[in-house]
Structure formats: C-alpha cells, structure tokens
Protein backbone atom coordinates (compact mmCIF):
# COMPACT_ATOMS: atom_id res chain seq x y z
CA MET A 1 58.78 20.75 -21.01
CA ARG A 2 58.35 24.61 -19.69
CA ASN A 3 58.40 25.68 -23.49
CA LEU A 4 55.36 23.37 -24.56
CA LEU A 5 53.31 24.55 -21.61
CA VAL A 6 53.88 28.16 -22.51
CA THR A 7 52.79 27.48 -26.30
CA THR A 8 50.05 24.85 -25.02
CA ALA A 9 48.60 27.92 -22.78
CA LEU A 10 49.06 30.79 -25.43
CA ALA A 11 46.97 28.26 -28.28
CA ALA A 12 44.17 28.21 -25.35
CA LEU A 13 44.09 31.51 -25.06
CA LEU A 14 44.43 32.03 -28.64
CA SER A 15 41.46 30.24 -29.47
CA GLY A 16 39.42 31.59 -26.72
CA CYS A 17 36.58 29.68 -25.12
CA ALA A 18 32.82 28.70 -25.86
CA VAL A 19 30.24 31.39 -26.44
CA SER A 20 28.56 29.47 -23.29
CA SER A 21 28.98 27.03 -20.75
CA HIS A 22 25.15 26.57 -20.74
CA ALA A 23 24.32 23.19 -21.04
CA THR A 24 23.20 21.79 -24.59
CA GLN A 25 21.31 18.59 -26.31
CA LYS A 26 20.19 17.59 -29.46
CA SER A 27 16.70 18.83 -30.40
CA THR A 28 13.95 16.63 -30.80
CA LEU A 29 12.10 19.20 -32.46
CA GLY A 30 11.89 19.10 -36.30
CA VAL A 31 11.95 17.32 -39.22
CA PRO A 32 14.60 17.37 -41.68
CA ARG A 33 13.28 17.81 -45.12
CA SER A 34 14.85 18.89 -48.32
CA SER A 35 15.00 22.51 -49.85
CA ALA A 36 12.35 21.19 -52.55
CA ASP A 37 10.18 20.32 -49.94
CA MET A 38 10.10 23.83 -48.57
CA LEU A 39 9.92 25.01 -52.21
CA ALA A 40 7.17 23.32 -52.85
CA VAL A 41 4.79 25.06 -49.99
CA ILE A 42 6.44 28.46 -49.97
CA ASP A 43 4.13 30.78 -51.88
CA GLN A 44 1.18 29.65 -49.99
CA PRO A 45 -0.12 31.32 -47.10
CA GLY A 46 0.01 29.81 -43.81
CA PRO A 47 -1.26 29.42 -40.40
CA ILE A 48 1.07 31.74 -38.37
CA VAL A 49 0.09 35.10 -37.55
CA PHE A 50 3.35 36.81 -37.27
CA GLU A 51 4.46 39.86 -35.33
CA THR A 52 8.19 42.21 -35.33
CA VAL A 53 8.78 43.95 -32.48
CA ALA A 54 11.73 46.46 -32.54
CA SER A 55 12.83 46.40 -28.93
CA CYS A 56 15.20 49.15 -28.89
CA ASP A 57 17.25 51.20 -31.36
CA TRP A 58 21.10 51.40 -31.30
CA GLN A 59 24.50 52.49 -33.30
CA VAL A 60 27.42 49.85 -33.71
CA ASP A 61 30.26 50.17 -36.23
CA ARG A 62 29.36 49.44 -40.23
CA SER A 63 32.27 47.69 -40.68
CA GLY A 64 31.00 44.91 -38.84
CA LEU A 65 27.42 45.06 -40.24
CA ILE A 66 28.59 45.16 -43.93
CA ASN A 67 31.98 44.21 -45.89
CA LEU A 68 33.30 47.28 -46.30
CA GLU A 69 36.47 45.40 -48.72
CA HIS A 70 33.56 44.36 -50.95
CA PRO A 71 34.02 46.28 -54.43
CA ARG A 72 30.31 47.12 -54.40
CA ALA A 73 30.90 49.08 -50.79
CA LYS A 74 34.35 50.27 -51.96
CA GLU A 75 32.28 52.27 -55.37
CA ALA A 76 29.80 53.55 -53.00
CA GLY A 77 32.25 55.40 -51.05
CA LEU A 78 31.05 53.48 -47.76
CA THR A 79 33.51 53.71 -44.82
CA ASP A 80 33.42 53.17 -41.24
CA GLY A 81 31.29 54.60 -38.70
CA PRO A 82 28.18 54.24 -36.49
CA GLU A 83 25.09 52.62 -38.56
CA LYS A 84 21.66 53.23 -37.11
CA ILE A 85 20.13 49.54 -36.22
CA GLN A 86 17.52 48.27 -34.30
CA VAL A 87 17.50 44.85 -32.15
CA PHE A 88 14.34 42.81 -32.68
CA PHE A 89 12.25 39.96 -31.62
CA HIS A 90 9.72 38.03 -34.12
CA VAL A 91 6.48 36.48 -32.58
CA LEU A 92 4.91 33.59 -34.43
CA ARG A 93 1.68 32.54 -33.04
CA HIS A 94 0.83 28.89 -34.03
CA PRO A 95 -3.05 27.89 -34.03
CA THR A 96 -1.86 24.42 -32.31
CA HIS A 97 1.82 24.42 -30.84
CA GLY A 98 1.08 28.12 -29.28
CA THR A 99 3.49 31.05 -29.28
CA PHE A 100 7.03 31.11 -29.98
CA ILE A 101 9.53 33.89 -30.45
CA VAL A 102 12.70 34.48 -32.70
CA ASP A 103 15.79 36.37 -31.04
CA THR A 104 15.06 37.97 -27.86
CA GLY A 105 15.10 41.61 -28.17
CA VAL A 106 16.44 43.30 -25.12
CA GLU A 107 15.66 42.61 -21.59
CA LYS A 108 14.07 45.09 -18.96
CA ALA A 109 17.11 45.11 -16.76
CA LEU A 110 18.98 47.04 -19.52
CA ARG A 111 17.03 49.93 -19.21
CA ASP A 112 15.67 49.61 -15.90
CA ASN A 113 18.71 48.46 -13.52
CA PRO A 114 21.77 48.03 -16.10
CA SER A 115 23.85 47.24 -13.32
CA LYS A 116 21.78 43.67 -12.69
CA ALA A 117 21.55 43.22 -16.50
CA ALA A 118 23.22 39.94 -17.60
CA VAL A 119 25.37 42.00 -19.63
CA ARG A 120 26.82 44.46 -17.57
CA GLY A 121 30.66 46.16 -16.45
CA LEU A 122 33.15 46.44 -18.83
CA VAL A 123 31.32 44.57 -21.70
CA ALA A 124 28.32 46.96 -21.39
CA SER A 125 30.89 49.69 -21.80
CA VAL A 126 32.88 48.35 -24.89
CA MET A 127 29.11 48.10 -26.51
CA LYS A 128 28.27 51.22 -25.63
CA LEU A 129 24.51 49.99 -24.48
CA GLU A 130 24.54 53.50 -23.12
CA THR A 131 23.76 54.57 -26.60
CA MET A 132 20.12 52.26 -26.87
CA LYS A 133 16.88 54.04 -27.17
CA PHE A 134 14.55 51.24 -25.60
CA ASN A 135 11.23 51.09 -27.40
CA GLU A 136 9.48 47.80 -25.80
CA PRO A 137 12.00 45.35 -23.75
CA LEU A 138 10.81 41.94 -24.06
CA GLY A 139 9.73 41.80 -20.16
CA ASP A 140 7.35 44.53 -21.13
CA TRP A 141 5.93 42.76 -24.20
CA LEU A 142 5.81 39.21 -22.14
CA ALA A 143 3.52 40.93 -19.02
CA LYS A 144 0.94 41.86 -21.84
CA GLN A 145 0.69 38.19 -23.08
CA GLN A 146 -2.53 36.20 -22.27
CA VAL A 147 -0.89 32.61 -23.14
CA PRO A 148 2.78 31.38 -22.52
CA LEU A 149 5.73 31.32 -24.22
CA GLN A 150 6.44 27.63 -25.40
CA GLY A 151 9.84 28.56 -26.56
CA VAL A 152 12.75 30.81 -28.25
CA PHE A 153 14.08 29.83 -31.86
CA LEU A 154 17.44 31.67 -31.79
CA THR A 155 19.35 33.07 -35.36
CA HIS A 156 22.60 32.94 -33.14
CA LEU A 157 24.18 33.18 -30.08
CA HIS A 158 25.49 36.91 -30.30
CA PHE A 159 24.67 38.55 -27.57
CA ASP A 160 22.19 41.41 -29.21
CA HIS A 161 20.10 38.36 -30.19
CA ILE A 162 19.83 36.99 -26.56
CA ALA A 163 19.66 40.31 -25.12
CA GLY A 164 16.63 39.84 -23.84
CA MET A 165 16.87 36.46 -22.82
CA ALA A 166 16.90 36.90 -19.04
CA ASP A 167 13.07 38.08 -19.35
CA VAL A 168 12.25 34.94 -20.66
CA PRO A 169 10.53 32.18 -18.07
CA ALA A 170 12.58 30.03 -16.37
CA GLY A 171 12.64 26.58 -18.04
CA THR A 172 11.70 27.84 -21.47
CA ALA A 173 12.70 25.71 -24.21
CA VAL A 174 15.85 27.43 -26.54
CA TYR A 175 16.69 26.39 -29.58
CA THR A 176 19.69 26.93 -32.13
CA GLY A 177 21.71 25.74 -34.67
CA PRO A 178 24.25 23.35 -34.23
CA GLY A 179 27.72 23.84 -32.89
CA GLU A 180 26.42 27.79 -31.85
CA ALA A 181 27.33 27.37 -27.75
CA SER A 182 30.57 25.67 -28.46
CA PHE A 183 32.25 27.77 -31.05
CA ARG A 184 35.33 29.10 -29.62
CA GLU A 185 36.46 32.40 -30.16
CA PHE A 186 38.67 34.86 -28.20
CA GLN A 187 36.21 37.75 -27.28
CA ASN A 188 34.31 34.60 -25.69
CA MET A 189 36.80 34.89 -22.90
CA PHE A 190 34.88 38.34 -22.34
CA MET A 191 31.56 37.48 -23.49
CA GLN A 192 30.90 34.05 -21.99
CA GLY A 193 29.64 35.39 -18.44
CA ASN A 194 27.16 37.49 -19.93
CA SER A 195 25.54 35.04 -22.09
CA ASP A 196 25.62 32.56 -19.13
CA ARG A 197 23.67 34.90 -17.27
CA ALA A 198 21.11 35.49 -19.82
CA LEU A 199 20.82 31.46 -20.29
CA GLU A 200 20.38 31.07 -16.39
CA GLY A 201 17.45 28.91 -15.43
CA LYS A 202 16.78 28.07 -19.05
CA ALA A 203 16.21 24.90 -20.59
CA PRO A 204 19.17 23.06 -22.24
CA ILE A 205 20.11 24.62 -25.60
CA SER A 206 18.47 21.87 -28.32
CA GLU A 207 20.53 22.60 -31.24
CA TRP A 208 18.55 21.83 -34.52
CA ALA A 209 19.26 18.80 -35.99
CA PHE A 210 19.87 19.01 -39.58
CA ALA A 211 20.52 17.00 -42.27
CA PRO A 212 21.89 17.71 -45.66
CA ASP A 213 19.79 19.09 -47.58
CA ALA A 214 19.26 16.54 -50.75
CA THR A 215 18.99 19.30 -53.09
CA GLY A 216 22.15 21.30 -52.18
CA ARG A 217 20.31 24.73 -51.71
CA PHE A 218 21.31 25.14 -48.39
CA ALA A 219 23.30 23.37 -45.45
CA GLY A 220 20.40 22.12 -44.00
CA VAL A 221 16.14 22.29 -44.17
CA LEU A 222 14.47 21.43 -41.27
CA ASP A 223 10.49 21.60 -40.87
CA ILE A 224 10.09 23.04 -36.99
CA PHE A 225 6.48 21.84 -36.82
CA GLY A 226 6.04 18.86 -39.50
CA ASP A 227 3.18 20.84 -41.07
CA GLY A 228 5.36 22.95 -43.50
CA SER A 229 4.35 26.76 -41.34
CA VAL A 230 8.14 27.33 -40.07
CA TRP A 231 11.08 26.07 -41.51
CA ALA A 232 15.04 26.57 -40.04
CA LEU A 233 17.41 27.23 -42.60
CA TRP A 234 21.21 26.11 -42.00
CA VAL A 235 23.30 29.40 -43.34
CA PRO A 236 26.71 28.73 -41.63
CA GLY A 237 29.30 31.95 -42.01
CA HIS A 238 28.31 34.47 -39.39
CA THR A 239 28.67 31.76 -36.90
CA PRO A 240 28.99 27.85 -37.67
CA GLY A 241 25.43 27.50 -36.24
CA SER A 242 23.74 30.46 -37.87
CA THR A 243 19.96 29.70 -38.90
CA ALA A 244 17.22 31.87 -40.86
CA TYR A 245 13.83 31.18 -40.43
CA LEU A 246 10.85 30.99 -43.34
CA VAL A 247 7.77 31.56 -42.33
CA ARG A 248 4.41 30.95 -43.89
CA THR A 249 2.28 33.36 -42.24
CA THR A 250 -1.72 33.95 -42.68
CA LYS A 251 -0.32 36.91 -45.05
CA GLY A 252 2.11 35.12 -47.17
CA PRO A 253 6.21 34.39 -46.74
CA VAL A 254 8.16 35.84 -44.66
CA LEU A 255 12.05 35.22 -44.11
CA LEU A 256 14.16 36.45 -41.12
CA THR A 257 17.51 36.58 -42.45
CA GLY A 258 18.98 37.07 -38.87
CA ASP A 259 22.48 38.16 -39.13
CA ALA A 260 23.42 36.83 -42.62
CA SER A 261 22.28 39.80 -43.60
CA HIS A 262 22.28 42.73 -40.95
CA THR A 263 21.51 46.04 -43.01
CA ARG A 264 18.80 47.07 -46.04
CA TRP A 265 21.83 48.52 -47.96
CA GLY A 266 23.65 45.01 -47.65
CA TRP A 267 21.00 43.21 -49.03
CA GLU A 268 19.83 45.81 -52.06
CA HIS A 269 23.55 45.91 -52.96
CA ASP A 270 24.66 42.27 -52.57
CA VAL A 271 27.16 42.42 -49.97
CA GLU A 272 27.47 40.35 -47.38
CA PRO A 273 28.53 41.45 -43.72
CA GLY A 274 31.73 42.16 -42.81
CA THR A 275 33.89 41.96 -39.54
CA PHE A 276 30.90 40.91 -36.89
CA SER A 277 31.23 37.44 -39.11
CA SER A 278 33.24 34.78 -38.04
CA ASP A 279 33.90 33.13 -41.41
CA ILE A 280 33.01 36.19 -43.96
CA PRO A 281 33.64 33.77 -47.35
CA LYS A 282 31.10 31.19 -45.93
CA SER A 283 28.86 34.21 -44.65
CA ALA A 284 28.99 35.28 -48.35
CA ASP A 285 27.83 31.81 -49.25
CA SER A 286 24.97 31.71 -47.36
CA PHE A 287 23.87 35.68 -47.88
CA ALA A 288 24.26 34.18 -51.84
CA ARG A 289 21.73 31.49 -51.15
CA LEU A 290 19.34 33.52 -49.52
CA ARG A 291 19.30 35.95 -52.27
CA GLN A 292 18.67 33.79 -54.86
CA LEU A 293 15.49 32.49 -52.76
CA ALA A 294 14.09 35.98 -52.23
CA THR A 295 14.55 36.75 -56.06
CA GLU A 296 12.98 33.75 -57.30
CA HIS A 297 10.02 34.29 -54.58
CA PRO A 298 9.20 37.65 -54.99
CA THR A 299 6.47 37.94 -52.57
CA LEU A 300 8.72 36.98 -49.94
CA GLU A 301 8.48 39.63 -46.96
CA VAL A 302 12.50 39.85 -45.86
CA HIS A 303 13.29 40.78 -42.75
CA LEU A 304 16.80 41.40 -42.15
CA GLY A 305 18.94 41.09 -38.66
CA HIS A 306 19.06 44.70 -37.61
CA GLN A 307 17.24 47.15 -40.57
CA LEU A 308 13.82 47.36 -41.65
C-alpha cells in the first residue's frame, strides 16, 4: 500500500498541474465552419481595422523558438543562445462588435513595480524578465482608448501571451482554444500561481467550441462573429489549444500564427518551433498547414508569434 501511495504521488508530481485554476466554460461566441467557407472569402478585404503593438523587446533561448534538431536548422549551423524577440498584442476594431485584442503584451507593473506584477519572484528571475525593454505595456495603451475593450482572444496561455492580462479591465471576456487551461505539465507547478494572478477578476475563460473541419485542413475552424471577418483556426501542438487567427482587415487578410511559428527564420526556412512546444511532431503538422495557407494566398500578411 505504501509503495502504491508513493507511486501515485510521484505520478501526480511528474504530470504536474493545470496551466491555470481559473474557471472555464464553453464559448457561445463563434460559429463552427469549414475551411472551405473561410477560403471563399479570405482574399476579400474585410471590415476590421487592424493594429499590432510591440509591447516589449526581450530575448529567450533559440532552442525553444526553433527546432534545432531539424535538418535545415543543422544545415544552417544554428546553435542555441539568446534570440531577440518581441511580445505583441494585436488590436481588432470591428465596426459593430467593438474592440478586441489578440494576446496581451505585458502589464504596466512589470515596468513600474515588478514585485507587484502577476509574474514575480523565482519565476521572473528564471524567465530573465529583467532583460525586457518596455515599449508600450497594455495598460498604457488602454488608457489612451476612447472605447472599452470588449474581449481578449488568446493564441494560448503561455505566460508571454497573458503577461498583460492584469491590465485588462475586470470582467472582460477571455477566449482560448479547448483544453488550454486544463493542460497538465510539470512546469505548471511553478507557473500556475502567476497565471492565476494574471487572470484574477476576469470572466471565466471561454473555450472556442470548434467542430472538426469538414475539409480537413485544420483541426477546427470558427467564424467568430458570424460575418466572415475574423476566423479562429485550431492549430494544436505548441499547446493543446493553440489557436491562430485569420483577420479580414480593411487592407487585406492577416494571419496571426501565435506560437505555431515564433520566428521569421523558422517561418521562412520551413522549420517548426522547438522545445517550448508540448508536442513537436503535432506542432510541425500545424505549422505546415499554416504555411500551406500562406503559400496559396500570397497577399496574406503573416504576423508571427514573436518576430516581425
């Protein structure tokens, strides 16, 4: 019995805990479609006024951003070391539904009062947040807006994508892919408290209600507003609920890959992300699907997870 208890405890420790204990619910926003429906309108300008904000400059390990075991990475002689990146949020202004953001940049407290930020202490030290150069924390941007924020569409729940969430007004709707918050990893034993602080006071996380894509191009496709202006694409691999967004802007179509592709080198050389992904083979598959979409639609403006 004692051995069984030890084995059970060890298994629980190794499996870690959930990304966040914040409440979740099934999203009522969005209509499941097929990728054929999206492709029928993808090249037509849409109603969304779009803006990208580089909230801060940072640097992290290249081996997490790019799969250095990929033959093309080896051929190019890529080695591990610090890679310069940025932490973004993207602004979507819909003419009738209002203003939404994709991901959150960083919060003001990381710059102004780090000991009070959502991520702090040992985790902040390990993540080398002291190397961040702040451009425009989300709170600074929100203070200049004339209309309220209607919601946050997340590509996934890794902390560099929710690091500005503490600046989001209380009660604001938050959306992620399915199974994102409940995904269990050992590292979440250290990160969960930070994630929970970032999400404190926000509405329950609404998980996109994807249905299988009838044409099989993506795991799921969702028409968020039902008017073909913004599409959520389920691209699991980096995390189970990783979501890319296809936005029909007034200037043409824009693809937000999230961390299905972090870097410009990885995208241009057809190499998927590295050790930051929970499932590299599945990540490579989702990456290839997004690359195919961009190849077939050359007017598509691609915004990668952490580099312009």
